[in-house]
Amino acid sequence: MHHTDCGMETFTDDVMRGLLASSLKTATVDAFGWHDSGDGPGSAEGNYIDWLSIANNAQSVVDDVTRIRNRPLVLGDIPIYGYIYDVKTGELVEVPEATRVGAAP
């Protein structure tokens, strides 16, 4: 399950790596994107982290369900579903493609 308005959808791995490379101060974000708020030094350590940013929320749910479906410790007769929690309405929205890939045979 993922949720709407997720912060992980607001940047890419490259954005995060660039921010950390330029300084270690807390960045700011506005309608134009992320901005470094400090002078260096930064760190290249961010280059070695998979930040697990999300480009497409529904596709990310499908990817997660697929990964779970393919785990050897998850029995094949157990159905797996994928949802997105809408933080504004409180509703769970099913991701149909996730349900399809998570279906028990």
Protein backbone atom coordinates (compact mmCIF):
# COMPACT_ATOMS: atom_id res chain seq x y z
CA MET A 1 0.00 0.00 0.00
CA HIS A 2 1.21 3.44 -0.92
CA HIS A 3 -0.44 6.80 -0.19
CA THR A 4 -1.26 9.97 -2.09
CA ASP A 5 0.82 13.13 -1.61
CA CYS A 6 3.87 11.02 -0.81
CA GLY A 7 7.09 12.97 -0.42
CA MET A 8 8.96 10.25 -2.30
CA GLU A 9 7.14 11.40 -5.45
CA THR A 10 8.59 14.92 -5.19
CA PHE A 11 12.18 14.14 -6.16
CA THR A 12 14.33 11.70 -8.08
CA ASP A 13 17.47 9.90 -6.98
CA ASP A 14 19.49 12.35 -9.12
CA VAL A 15 17.90 15.36 -7.40
CA MET A 16 18.70 13.98 -3.95
CA ARG A 17 22.24 13.09 -4.95
CA GLY A 18 22.79 16.57 -6.36
CA LEU A 19 21.48 18.27 -3.24
CA LEU A 20 23.70 16.20 -0.97
CA ALA A 21 26.72 16.71 -3.22
CA SER A 22 26.43 20.49 -2.91
CA SER A 23 25.74 20.75 0.85
CA LEU A 24 24.40 18.86 3.84
CA LYS A 25 22.01 21.61 4.90
CA THR A 26 18.26 20.99 4.79
CA ALA A 27 16.96 21.69 1.29
CA THR A 28 13.81 23.63 0.51
CA VAL A 29 11.12 22.91 -2.05
CA ASP A 30 8.66 25.19 -3.80
CA ALA A 31 6.59 25.20 -6.99
CA PHE A 32 9.80 25.30 -9.02
CA GLY A 33 11.43 22.28 -7.36
CA TRP A 34 14.09 21.52 -4.79
CA HIS A 35 16.78 24.06 -3.83
CA ASP A 36 19.98 23.71 -1.86
CA SER A 37 19.90 26.06 1.12
CA GLY A 38 23.53 25.98 2.17
CA ASP A 39 27.08 26.37 1.03
CA GLY A 40 29.22 23.23 0.86
CA PRO A 41 30.79 21.07 1.73
CA GLY A 42 28.54 18.33 0.52
CA SER A 43 29.08 14.60 0.31
CA ALA A 44 29.22 12.05 -2.49
CA GLU A 45 27.84 9.37 -0.15
CA GLY A 46 24.33 9.98 -1.53
CA ASN A 47 25.51 8.46 -4.80
CA TYR A 48 25.57 5.03 -3.17
CA ILE A 49 22.01 5.07 -1.86
CA ASP A 50 18.90 3.94 -3.71
CA TRP A 51 16.47 6.59 -2.47
CA LEU A 52 13.43 4.57 -3.63
CA SER A 53 11.82 7.63 -5.12
CA ILE A 54 8.49 7.09 -6.84
CA ALA A 55 7.86 8.33 -10.37
CA ASN A 56 4.43 6.70 -10.69
CA ASN A 57 2.54 5.72 -7.53
CA ALA A 58 0.31 3.06 -9.12
CA GLN A 59 3.23 1.45 -11.00
CA SER A 60 5.22 1.38 -7.78
CA VAL A 61 2.38 -0.56 -6.10
CA VAL A 62 2.35 -3.02 -9.02
CA ASP A 63 6.13 -3.43 -8.73
CA ASP A 64 5.84 -4.11 -4.98
CA VAL A 65 3.06 -6.67 -5.44
CA THR A 66 5.06 -8.36 -8.21
CA ARG A 67 8.10 -8.55 -5.96
CA ILE A 68 6.03 -10.06 -3.12
CA ARG A 69 4.27 -12.48 -5.49
CA ASN A 70 7.67 -13.80 -6.64
CA ARG A 71 9.07 -14.37 -3.13
CA PRO A 72 9.60 -18.08 -2.49
CA LEU A 73 8.23 -17.84 1.06
CA VAL A 74 4.86 -16.47 -0.10
CA LEU A 75 2.62 -19.38 -1.01
CA GLY A 76 1.14 -19.17 -4.49
CA ASP A 77 -2.42 -19.73 -3.28
CA ILE A 78 -2.39 -16.52 -1.22
CA PRO A 79 -3.84 -13.56 -3.16
CA ILE A 80 -1.94 -10.28 -2.88
CA TYR A 81 -3.60 -6.93 -3.43
CA GLY A 82 -2.28 -3.43 -3.94
CA TYR A 83 -3.89 -0.20 -2.83
CA ILE A 84 -3.22 3.50 -2.60
CA TYR A 85 -4.49 5.24 0.52
CA ASP A 86 -5.97 8.65 -0.31
CA VAL A 87 -4.81 10.87 2.56
CA LYS A 88 -7.48 13.50 1.82
CA THR A 89 -10.52 11.23 1.71
CA GLY A 90 -9.39 8.26 3.78
CA GLU A 91 -10.36 5.92 0.94
CA LEU A 92 -8.40 2.89 -0.17
CA VAL A 93 -8.16 2.84 -3.95
CA GLU A 94 -7.42 -0.56 -5.44
CA VAL A 95 -4.76 -0.71 -8.15
CA PRO A 96 -6.32 -3.20 -10.64
CA GLU A 97 -3.02 -4.18 -12.25
CA ALA A 98 -1.59 -4.99 -8.82
CA THR A 99 -4.57 -7.22 -8.09
CA ARG A 100 -4.05 -8.96 -11.43
CA VAL A 101 -0.35 -9.70 -10.84
CA GLY A 102 -1.02 -10.70 -7.23
CA ALA A 103 -3.86 -13.10 -7.99
CA ALA A 104 -3.60 -16.66 -6.77
CA PRO A 105 -3.64 -19.15 -9.67
